[in-house]
């Protein structure tokens, strides 16, 4: 009996047997077979304390749609913004 390999969306975790059968499936990769997982970076366009702020989705390869890719980046953006709010709260308590 053959072995079935499932591919999962790195955001919503939707599993499919063959991502090529699903319109809009995004697979990130390269020609270097050593590189299995990559990161996706979206810049905010805002310069922070010492660099431009960016949101990263690390160690990913597959998204079932562009909407899922954007949702993963939006989740990272919310985490970044929440961290800034928390830091500001801590700073205000010190003063």
PDB file of N, CA and C in Angstrom:
ATOM      1  N   UNK A   1       0.841  -1.174   0.000  1.00  0.00           N
ATOM      2  CA  UNK A   1       0.000   0.000   0.000  1.00  0.00           C
ATOM      3  C   UNK A   1       0.889   1.242   0.000  1.00  0.00           C
ATOM      4  N   UNK A   2       0.509   2.282  -0.741  1.00  0.00           N
ATOM      5  CA  UNK A   2       1.299   3.507  -0.831  1.00  0.00           C
ATOM      6  C   UNK A   2       1.175   4.375   0.397  1.00  0.00           C
ATOM      7  N   UNK A   3       2.149   5.224   0.564  1.00  0.00           N
ATOM      8  CA  UNK A   3       2.164   6.143   1.692  1.00  0.00           C
ATOM      9  C   UNK A   3       1.542   7.472   1.254  1.00  0.00           C
ATOM     10  N   UNK A   4       0.658   8.021   2.064  1.00  0.00           N
ATOM     11  CA  UNK A   4       0.011   9.298   1.771  1.00  0.00           C
ATOM     12  C   UNK A   4       0.711  10.381   2.563  1.00  0.00           C
ATOM     13  N   UNK A   5       1.162  11.398   1.861  1.00  0.00           N
ATOM     14  CA  UNK A   5       1.807  12.534   2.510  1.00  0.00           C
ATOM     15  C   UNK A   5       0.856  13.718   2.445  1.00  0.00           C
ATOM     16  N   UNK A   6       0.555  14.299   3.585  1.00  0.00           N
ATOM     17  CA  UNK A   6      -0.349  15.442   3.647  1.00  0.00           C
ATOM     18  C   UNK A   6       0.477  16.722   3.753  1.00  0.00           C
ATOM     19  N   UNK A   7      -0.032  17.770   3.142  1.00  0.00           N
ATOM     20  CA  UNK A   7       0.566  19.089   3.238  1.00  0.00           C
ATOM     21  C   UNK A   7      -0.412  19.969   3.986  1.00  0.00           C
ATOM     22  N   UNK A   8       0.082  20.752   4.949  1.00  0.00           N
ATOM     23  CA  UNK A   8      -0.795  21.592   5.768  1.00  0.00           C
ATOM     24  C   UNK A   8      -0.475  23.064   5.566  1.00  0.00           C
ATOM     25  N   UNK A   9      -1.519  23.868   5.606  1.00  0.00           N
ATOM     26  CA  UNK A   9      -1.358  25.319   5.567  1.00  0.00           C
ATOM     27  C   UNK A   9      -0.705  25.749   6.880  1.00  0.00           C
ATOM     28  N   UNK A  10       0.317  26.569   6.802  1.00  0.00           N
ATOM     29  CA  UNK A  10       1.038  26.983   8.002  1.00  0.00           C
ATOM     30  C   UNK A  10       0.235  27.949   8.876  1.00  0.00           C
ATOM     31  N   UNK A  11      -0.878  28.467   8.377  1.00  0.00           N
ATOM     32  CA  UNK A  11      -1.704  29.362   9.196  1.00  0.00           C
ATOM     33  C   UNK A  11      -2.938  28.646   9.744  1.00  0.00           C
ATOM     34  N   UNK A  12      -3.813  28.193   8.862  1.00  0.00           N
ATOM     35  CA  UNK A  12      -5.085  27.602   9.317  1.00  0.00           C
ATOM     36  C   UNK A  12      -4.988  26.106   9.576  1.00  0.00           C
ATOM     37  N   UNK A  13      -3.885  25.507   9.169  1.00  0.00           N
ATOM     38  CA  UNK A  13      -3.605  24.070   9.368  1.00  0.00           C
ATOM     39  C   UNK A  13      -4.452  23.159   8.490  1.00  0.00           C
ATOM     40  N   UNK A  14      -5.137  23.708   7.491  1.00  0.00           N
ATOM     41  CA  UNK A  14      -5.904  22.886   6.540  1.00  0.00           C
ATOM     42  C   UNK A  14      -4.961  21.889   5.885  1.00  0.00           C
ATOM     43  N   UNK A  15      -5.359  20.624   5.839  1.00  0.00           N
ATOM     44  CA  UNK A  15      -4.508  19.578   5.268  1.00  0.00           C
ATOM     45  C   UNK A  15      -5.073  19.113   3.932  1.00  0.00           C
ATOM     46  N   UNK A  16      -4.158  18.930   2.992  1.00  0.00           N
ATOM     47  CA  UNK A  16      -4.533  18.414   1.678  1.00  0.00           C
ATOM     48  C   UNK A  16      -3.518  17.358   1.258  1.00  0.00           C
ATOM     49  N   UNK A  17      -3.974  16.448   0.432  1.00  0.00           N
ATOM     50  CA  UNK A  17      -3.089  15.394  -0.047  1.00  0.00           C
ATOM     51  C   UNK A  17      -2.169  15.908  -1.144  1.00  0.00           C
ATOM     52  N   UNK A  18      -2.712  16.759  -2.033  1.00  0.00           N
ATOM     53  CA  UNK A  18      -1.920  17.296  -3.132  1.00  0.00           C
ATOM     54  C   UNK A  18      -2.237  18.783  -3.290  1.00  0.00           C
ATOM     55  N   UNK A  19      -1.365  19.665  -2.824  1.00  0.00           N
ATOM     56  CA  UNK A  19      -1.661  21.100  -2.906  1.00  0.00           C
ATOM     57  C   UNK A  19      -1.802  21.608  -4.332  1.00  0.00           C
ATOM     58  N   UNK A  20      -1.236  20.902  -5.295  1.00  0.00           N
ATOM     59  CA  UNK A  20      -1.350  21.322  -6.697  1.00  0.00           C
ATOM     60  C   UNK A  20      -2.778  21.217  -7.219  1.00  0.00           C
ATOM     61  N   UNK A  21      -3.602  20.440  -6.550  1.00  0.00           N
ATOM     62  CA  UNK A  21      -4.999  20.288  -6.959  1.00  0.00           C
ATOM     63  C   UNK A  21      -5.884  21.417  -6.444  1.00  0.00           C
ATOM     64  N   UNK A  22      -5.328  22.311  -5.622  1.00  0.00           N
ATOM     65  CA  UNK A  22      -6.106  23.363  -4.976  1.00  0.00           C
ATOM     66  C   UNK A  22      -5.700  24.731  -5.515  1.00  0.00           C
ATOM     67  N   UNK A  23      -6.638  25.344  -6.216  1.00  0.00           N
ATOM     68  CA  UNK A  23      -6.370  26.648  -6.825  1.00  0.00           C
ATOM     69  C   UNK A  23      -6.020  27.669  -5.745  1.00  0.00           C
ATOM     70  N   UNK A  24      -4.935  28.391  -5.978  1.00  0.00           N
ATOM     71  CA  UNK A  24      -4.515  29.436  -5.055  1.00  0.00           C
ATOM     72  C   UNK A  24      -3.550  28.998  -3.974  1.00  0.00           C
ATOM     73  N   UNK A  25      -3.228  27.707  -3.922  1.00  0.00           N
ATOM     74  CA  UNK A  25      -2.293  27.221  -2.900  1.00  0.00           C
ATOM     75  C   UNK A  25      -0.929  27.848  -3.152  1.00  0.00           C
ATOM     76  N   UNK A  26      -0.297  28.337  -2.095  1.00  0.00           N
ATOM     77  CA  UNK A  26       1.004  28.996  -2.202  1.00  0.00           C
ATOM     78  C   UNK A  26       2.048  28.119  -1.528  1.00  0.00           C
ATOM     79  N   UNK A  27       3.100  27.782  -2.259  1.00  0.00           N
ATOM     80  CA  UNK A  27       4.230  27.045  -1.702  1.00  0.00           C
ATOM     81  C   UNK A  27       5.471  27.898  -1.862  1.00  0.00           C
ATOM     82  N   UNK A  28       6.139  28.157  -0.749  1.00  0.00           N
ATOM     83  CA  UNK A  28       7.360  28.954  -0.751  1.00  0.00           C
ATOM     84  C   UNK A  28       8.550  28.021  -0.725  1.00  0.00           C
ATOM     85  N   UNK A  29       9.568  28.349  -1.461  1.00  0.00           N
ATOM     86  CA  UNK A  29      10.748  27.514  -1.477  1.00  0.00           C
ATOM     87  C   UNK A  29      11.784  28.083  -2.410  1.00  0.00           C
ATOM     88  N   UNK A  30      12.736  27.291  -2.722  1.00  0.00           N
ATOM     89  CA  UNK A  30      13.797  27.718  -3.612  1.00  0.00           C
ATOM     90  C   UNK A  30      14.399  26.524  -4.322  1.00  0.00           C
ATOM     91  N   UNK A  31      15.453  26.789  -5.043  1.00  0.00           N
ATOM     92  CA  UNK A  31      16.120  25.716  -5.769  1.00  0.00           C
ATOM     93  C   UNK A  31      17.096  24.957  -4.888  1.00  0.00           C
ATOM     94  N   UNK A  32      17.439  25.518  -3.749  1.00  0.00           N
ATOM     95  CA  UNK A  32      18.372  24.880  -2.823  1.00  0.00           C
ATOM     96  C   UNK A  32      17.594  23.913  -1.931  1.00  0.00           C
ATOM     97  N   UNK A  33      17.802  22.627  -2.114  1.00  0.00           N
ATOM     98  CA  UNK A  33      17.042  21.635  -1.362  1.00  0.00           C
ATOM     99  C   UNK A  33      17.399  21.615   0.120  1.00  0.00           C
ATOM    100  N   UNK A  34      18.467  22.260   0.508  1.00  0.00           N
ATOM    101  CA  UNK A  34      18.817  22.362   1.921  1.00  0.00           C
ATOM    102  C   UNK A  34      17.837  23.299   2.625  1.00  0.00           C
ATOM    103  N   UNK A  35      17.381  24.306   1.907  1.00  0.00           N
ATOM    104  CA  UNK A  35      16.448  25.278   2.457  1.00  0.00           C
ATOM    105  C   UNK A  35      15.041  24.709   2.390  1.00  0.00           C
ATOM    106  N   UNK A  36      14.499  24.297   3.518  1.00  0.00           N
ATOM    107  CA  UNK A  36      13.164  23.713   3.525  1.00  0.00           C
ATOM    108  C   UNK A  36      12.110  24.723   3.943  1.00  0.00           C
ATOM    109  N   UNK A  37      12.382  25.517   4.951  1.00  0.00           N
ATOM    110  CA  UNK A  37      11.407  26.478   5.451  1.00  0.00           C
ATOM    111  C   UNK A  37      12.009  27.873   5.340  1.00  0.00           C
ATOM    112  N   UNK A  38      11.159  28.835   5.031  1.00  0.00           N
ATOM    113  CA  UNK A  38      11.607  30.205   4.833  1.00  0.00           C
ATOM    114  C   UNK A  38      10.836  31.133   5.770  1.00  0.00           C
ATOM    115  N   UNK A  39      11.146  32.409   5.703  1.00  0.00           N
ATOM    116  CA  UNK A  39      10.347  33.383   6.425  1.00  0.00           C
ATOM    117  C   UNK A  39       9.747  34.347   5.415  1.00  0.00           C
ATOM    118  N   UNK A  40       8.616  34.934   5.820  1.00  0.00           N
ATOM    119  CA  UNK A  40       7.964  35.964   5.026  1.00  0.00           C
ATOM    120  C   UNK A  40       7.973  37.219   5.874  1.00  0.00           C
ATOM    121  N   UNK A  41       8.406  38.315   5.282  1.00  0.00           N
ATOM    122  CA  UNK A  41       8.522  39.588   5.996  1.00  0.00           C
ATOM    123  C   UNK A  41       7.630  40.615   5.327  1.00  0.00           C
ATOM    124  N   UNK A  42       6.890  41.372   6.149  1.00  0.00           N
ATOM    125  CA  UNK A  42       6.101  42.490   5.641  1.00  0.00           C
ATOM    126  C   UNK A  42       6.494  43.718   6.440  1.00  0.00           C
ATOM    127  N   UNK A  43       6.979  44.735   5.746  1.00  0.00           N
ATOM    128  CA  UNK A  43       7.417  45.971   6.382  1.00  0.00           C
ATOM    129  C   UNK A  43       6.223  46.864   6.684  1.00  0.00           C
ATOM    130  N   UNK A  44       6.297  47.572   7.809  1.00  0.00           N
ATOM    131  CA  UNK A  44       5.236  48.522   8.159  1.00  0.00           C
ATOM    132  C   UNK A  44       5.494  49.881   7.524  1.00  0.00           C
ATOM    133  N   UNK A  45       6.743  50.122   7.083  1.00  0.00           N
ATOM    134  CA  UNK A  45       7.096  51.422   6.527  1.00  0.00           C
ATOM    135  C   UNK A  45       7.430  52.443   7.602  1.00  0.00           C
ATOM    136  N   UNK A  46       7.453  51.999   8.856  1.00  0.00           N
ATOM    137  CA  UNK A  46       7.722  52.892   9.985  1.00  0.00           C
ATOM    138  C   UNK A  46       9.083  52.566  10.581  1.00  0.00           C
ATOM    139  N   UNK A  47       9.886  53.610  10.772  1.00  0.00           N
ATOM    140  CA  UNK A  47      11.188  53.420  11.402  1.00  0.00           C
ATOM    141  C   UNK A  47      11.004  53.455  12.906  1.00  0.00           C
ATOM    142  N   UNK A  48      11.401  52.381  13.589  1.00  0.00           N
ATOM    143  CA  UNK A  48      11.288  52.294  15.039  1.00  0.00           C
ATOM    144  C   UNK A  48      12.504  52.906  15.707  1.00  0.00           C
ATOM    145  N   UNK A  49      12.887  52.360  16.854  1.00  0.00           N
ATOM    146  CA  UNK A  49      14.007  52.897  17.614  1.00  0.00           C
ATOM    147  C   UNK A  49      15.320  52.796  16.855  1.00  0.00           C
ATOM    148  N   UNK A  50      15.551  51.683  16.173  1.00  0.00           N
ATOM    149  CA  UNK A  50      16.830  51.536  15.471  1.00  0.00           C
ATOM    150  C   UNK A  50      16.711  50.800  14.129  1.00  0.00           C
ATOM    151  N   UNK A  51      15.491  50.485  13.702  1.00  0.00           N
ATOM    152  CA  UNK A  51      15.302  49.826  12.411  1.00  0.00           C
ATOM    153  C   UNK A  51      13.843  49.979  11.985  1.00  0.00           C
ATOM    154  N   UNK A  52      13.576  49.590  10.742  1.00  0.00           N
ATOM    155  CA  UNK A  52      12.203  49.612  10.278  1.00  0.00           C
ATOM    156  C   UNK A  52      11.427  48.465  10.917  1.00  0.00           C
ATOM    157  N   UNK A  53      10.203  48.746  11.342  1.00  0.00           N
ATOM    158  CA  UNK A  53       9.362  47.717  11.932  1.00  0.00           C
ATOM    159  C   UNK A  53       8.877  46.782  10.827  1.00  0.00           C
ATOM    160  N   UNK A  54       8.891  45.504  11.123  1.00  0.00           N
ATOM    161  CA  UNK A  54       8.444  44.493  10.165  1.00  0.00           C
ATOM    162  C   UNK A  54       7.762  43.366  10.912  1.00  0.00           C
ATOM    163  N   UNK A  55       6.919  42.663  10.202  1.00  0.00           N
ATOM    164  CA  UNK A  55       6.267  41.476  10.748  1.00  0.00           C
ATOM    165  C   UNK A  55       6.815  40.270  10.003  1.00  0.00           C
ATOM    166  N   UNK A  56       7.186  39.247  10.748  1.00  0.00           N
ATOM    167  CA  UNK A  56       7.780  38.039  10.180  1.00  0.00           C
ATOM    168  C   UNK A  56       6.916  36.826  10.496  1.00  0.00           C
ATOM    169  N   UNK A  57       6.728  35.994   9.513  1.00  0.00           N
ATOM    170  CA  UNK A  57       6.168  34.657   9.726  1.00  0.00           C
ATOM    171  C   UNK A  57       7.329  33.713   9.442  1.00  0.00           C
ATOM    172  N   UNK A  58       7.813  33.053  10.492  1.00  0.00           N
ATOM    173  CA  UNK A  58       9.030  32.243  10.396  1.00  0.00           C
ATOM    174  C   UNK A  58       8.748  30.777  10.118  1.00  0.00           C
ATOM    175  N   UNK A  59       9.709  30.165   9.433  1.00  0.00           N
ATOM    176  CA  UNK A  59       9.736  28.723   9.201  1.00  0.00           C
ATOM    177  C   UNK A  59       8.436  28.230   8.575  1.00  0.00           C
ATOM    178  N   UNK A  60       8.090  28.812   7.431  1.00  0.00           N
ATOM    179  CA  UNK A  60       6.862  28.451   6.722  1.00  0.00           C
ATOM    180  C   UNK A  60       7.175  27.970   5.311  1.00  0.00           C
ATOM    181  N   UNK A  61       6.249  27.225   4.728  1.00  0.00           N
ATOM    182  CA  UNK A  61       6.384  26.807   3.336  1.00  0.00           C
ATOM    183  C   UNK A  61       5.065  26.847   2.583  1.00  0.00           C
ATOM    184  N   UNK A  62       3.935  26.674   3.276  1.00  0.00           N
ATOM    185  CA  UNK A  62       2.671  26.508   2.581  1.00  0.00           C
ATOM    186  C   UNK A  62       1.535  27.333   3.177  1.00  0.00           C
ATOM    187  N   UNK A  63       0.752  27.925   2.274  1.00  0.00           N
ATOM    188  CA  UNK A  63      -0.474  28.631   2.652  1.00  0.00           C
ATOM    189  C   UNK A  63      -1.556  28.225   1.667  1.00  0.00           C
ATOM    190  N   UNK A  64      -2.757  27.965   2.161  1.00  0.00           N
ATOM    191  CA  UNK A  64      -3.827  27.495   1.288  1.00  0.00           C
ATOM    192  C   UNK A  64      -4.386  28.603   0.402  1.00  0.00           C
ATOM    193  N   UNK A  65      -4.081  29.863   0.731  1.00  0.00           N
ATOM    194  CA  UNK A  65      -4.569  30.982  -0.075  1.00  0.00           C
ATOM    195  C   UNK A  65      -3.798  32.238   0.290  1.00  0.00           C
ATOM    196  N   UNK A  66      -3.926  33.255  -0.534  1.00  0.00           N
ATOM    197  CA  UNK A  66      -3.302  34.538  -0.225  1.00  0.00           C
ATOM    198  C   UNK A  66      -3.948  35.134   1.036  1.00  0.00           C
ATOM    199  N   UNK A  67      -5.229  34.858   1.230  1.00  0.00           N
ATOM    200  CA  UNK A  67      -5.914  35.346   2.437  1.00  0.00           C
ATOM    201  C   UNK A  67      -5.298  34.757   3.696  1.00  0.00           C
ATOM    202  N   UNK A  68      -4.924  33.492   3.644  1.00  0.00           N
ATOM    203  CA  UNK A  68      -4.300  32.856   4.811  1.00  0.00           C
ATOM    204  C   UNK A  68      -2.894  33.419   5.048  1.00  0.00           C
ATOM    205  N   UNK A  69      -2.166  33.673   3.984  1.00  0.00           N
ATOM    206  CA  UNK A  69      -0.844  34.292   4.117  1.00  0.00           C
ATOM    207  C   UNK A  69      -0.971  35.662   4.772  1.00  0.00           C
ATOM    208  N   UNK A  70      -1.907  36.470   4.294  1.00  0.00           N
ATOM    209  CA  UNK A  70      -2.125  37.805   4.867  1.00  0.00           C
ATOM    210  C   UNK A  70      -2.611  37.699   6.308  1.00  0.00           C
ATOM    211  N   UNK A  71      -3.486  36.740   6.599  1.00  0.00           N
ATOM    212  CA  UNK A  71      -3.977  36.551   7.968  1.00  0.00           C
ATOM    213  C   UNK A  71      -2.836  36.197   8.916  1.00  0.00           C
ATOM    214  N   UNK A  72      -1.890  35.392   8.453  1.00  0.00           N
ATOM    215  CA  UNK A  72      -0.735  35.034   9.284  1.00  0.00           C
ATOM    216  C   UNK A  72       0.109  36.276   9.576  1.00  0.00           C
ATOM    217  N   UNK A  73       0.310  37.120   8.558  1.00  0.00           N
ATOM    218  CA  UNK A  73       1.064  38.362   8.765  1.00  0.00           C
ATOM    219  C   UNK A  73       0.292  39.332   9.652  1.00  0.00           C
ATOM    220  N   UNK A  74      -1.024  39.403   9.477  1.00  0.00           N
ATOM    221  CA  UNK A  74      -1.848  40.272  10.325  1.00  0.00           C
ATOM    222  C   UNK A  74      -1.794  39.833  11.785  1.00  0.00           C
ATOM    223  N   UNK A  75      -1.751  38.533  12.018  1.00  0.00           N
ATOM    224  CA  UNK A  75      -1.639  38.011  13.388  1.00  0.00           C
ATOM    225  C   UNK A  75      -0.329  38.483  14.017  1.00  0.00           C
ATOM    226  N   UNK A  76       0.761  38.411  13.246  1.00  0.00           N
ATOM    227  CA  UNK A  76       2.054  38.888  13.747  1.00  0.00           C
ATOM    228  C   UNK A  76       2.013  40.393  14.009  1.00  0.00           C
ATOM    229  N   UNK A  77       1.302  41.143  13.164  1.00  0.00           N
ATOM    230  CA  UNK A  77       1.180  42.586  13.349  1.00  0.00           C
ATOM    231  C   UNK A  77       0.433  42.888  14.654  1.00  0.00           C
ATOM    232  N   UNK A  78      -0.637  42.146  14.930  1.00  0.00           N
ATOM    233  CA  UNK A  78      -1.376  42.340  16.185  1.00  0.00           C
ATOM    234  C   UNK A  78      -0.487  42.023  17.379  1.00  0.00           C
ATOM    235  N   UNK A  79       0.300  40.956  17.289  1.00  0.00           N
ATOM    236  CA  UNK A  79       1.216  40.604  18.383  1.00  0.00           C
ATOM    237  C   UNK A  79       2.232  41.719  18.606  1.00  0.00           C
ATOM    238  N   UNK A  80       2.760  42.285  17.507  1.00  0.00           N
ATOM    239  CA  UNK A  80       3.728  43.379  17.611  1.00  0.00           C
ATOM    240  C   UNK A  80       3.090  44.596  18.264  1.00  0.00           C
ATOM    241  N   UNK A  81       1.882  44.942  17.825  1.00  0.00           N
ATOM    242  CA  UNK A  81       1.176  46.100  18.389  1.00  0.00           C
ATOM    243  C   UNK A  81       0.830  45.870  19.861  1.00  0.00           C
ATOM    244  N   UNK A  82       0.390  44.661  20.211  1.00  0.00           N
ATOM    245  CA  UNK A  82       0.093  44.340  21.608  1.00  0.00           C
ATOM    246  C   UNK A  82       1.331  44.489  22.473  1.00  0.00           C
ATOM    247  N   UNK A  83       2.474  44.076  21.951  1.00  0.00           N
ATOM    248  CA  UNK A  83       3.732  44.193  22.693  1.00  0.00           C
ATOM    249  C   UNK A  83       4.082  45.660  22.918  1.00  0.00           C
ATOM    250  N   UNK A  84       3.848  46.502  21.898  1.00  0.00           N
ATOM    251  CA  UNK A  84       4.120  47.937  22.050  1.00  0.00           C
ATOM    252  C   UNK A  84       3.215  48.553  23.122  1.00  0.00           C
ATOM    253  N   UNK A  85       1.946  48.158  23.150  1.00  0.00           N
ATOM    254  CA  UNK A  85       0.999  48.666  24.148  1.00  0.00           C
ATOM    255  C   UNK A  85       1.427  48.219  25.538  1.00  0.00           C
ATOM    256  N   UNK A  86       1.810  46.964  25.662  1.00  0.00           N
ATOM    257  CA  UNK A  86       2.254  46.434  26.963  1.00  0.00           C
ATOM    258  C   UNK A  86       3.504  47.163  27.457  1.00  0.00           C
ATOM    259  N   UNK A  87       4.447  47.394  26.548  1.00  0.00           N
ATOM    260  CA  UNK A  87       5.669  48.124  26.906  1.00  0.00           C
ATOM    261  C   UNK A  87       5.333  49.544  27.342  1.00  0.00           C
ATOM    262  N   UNK A  88       4.420  50.200  26.644  1.00  0.00           N
ATOM    263  CA  UNK A  88       4.013  51.567  27.000  1.00  0.00           C
ATOM    264  C   UNK A  88       3.343  51.597  28.370  1.00  0.00           C
ATOM    265  N   UNK A  89       2.541  50.573  28.672  1.00  0.00           N
ATOM    266  CA  UNK A  89       1.900  50.493  29.989  1.00  0.00           C
ATOM    267  C   UNK A  89       2.947  50.364  31.088  1.00  0.00           C
ATOM    268  N   UNK A  90       3.931  49.498  30.867  1.00  0.00           N
ATOM    269  CA  UNK A  90       4.983  49.300  31.860  1.00  0.00           C
ATOM    270  C   UNK A  90       5.766  50.590  32.073  1.00  0.00           C
ATOM    271  N   UNK A  91       6.057  51.300  30.982  1.00  0.00           N
ATOM    272  CA  UNK A  91       6.783  52.567  31.072  1.00  0.00           C
ATOM    273  C   UNK A  91       5.990  53.608  31.854  1.00  0.00           C
ATOM    274  N   UNK A  92       4.690  53.665  31.632  1.00  0.00           N
ATOM    275  CA  UNK A  92       3.861  54.656  32.322  1.00  0.00           C
ATOM    276  C   UNK A  92       3.740  54.351  33.810  1.00  0.00           C
ATOM    277  N   UNK A  93       3.818  53.078  34.185  1.00  0.00           N
ATOM    278  CA  UNK A  93       3.780  52.706  35.603  1.00  0.00           C
ATOM    279  C   UNK A  93       5.067  53.092  36.324  1.00  0.00           C
ATOM    280  N   UNK A  94       6.162  53.146  35.593  1.00  0.00           N
ATOM    281  CA  UNK A  94       7.456  53.508  36.180  1.00  0.00           C
ATOM    282  C   UNK A  94       7.529  55.003  36.509  1.00  0.00           C
ATOM    283  N   UNK A  95       6.801  55.800  35.766  1.00  0.00           N
ATOM    284  CA  UNK A  95       6.894  57.254  35.959  1.00  0.00           C
ATOM    285  C   UNK A  95       5.788  57.794  36.805  1.00  0.00           C
TER     286      UNK A  95
END
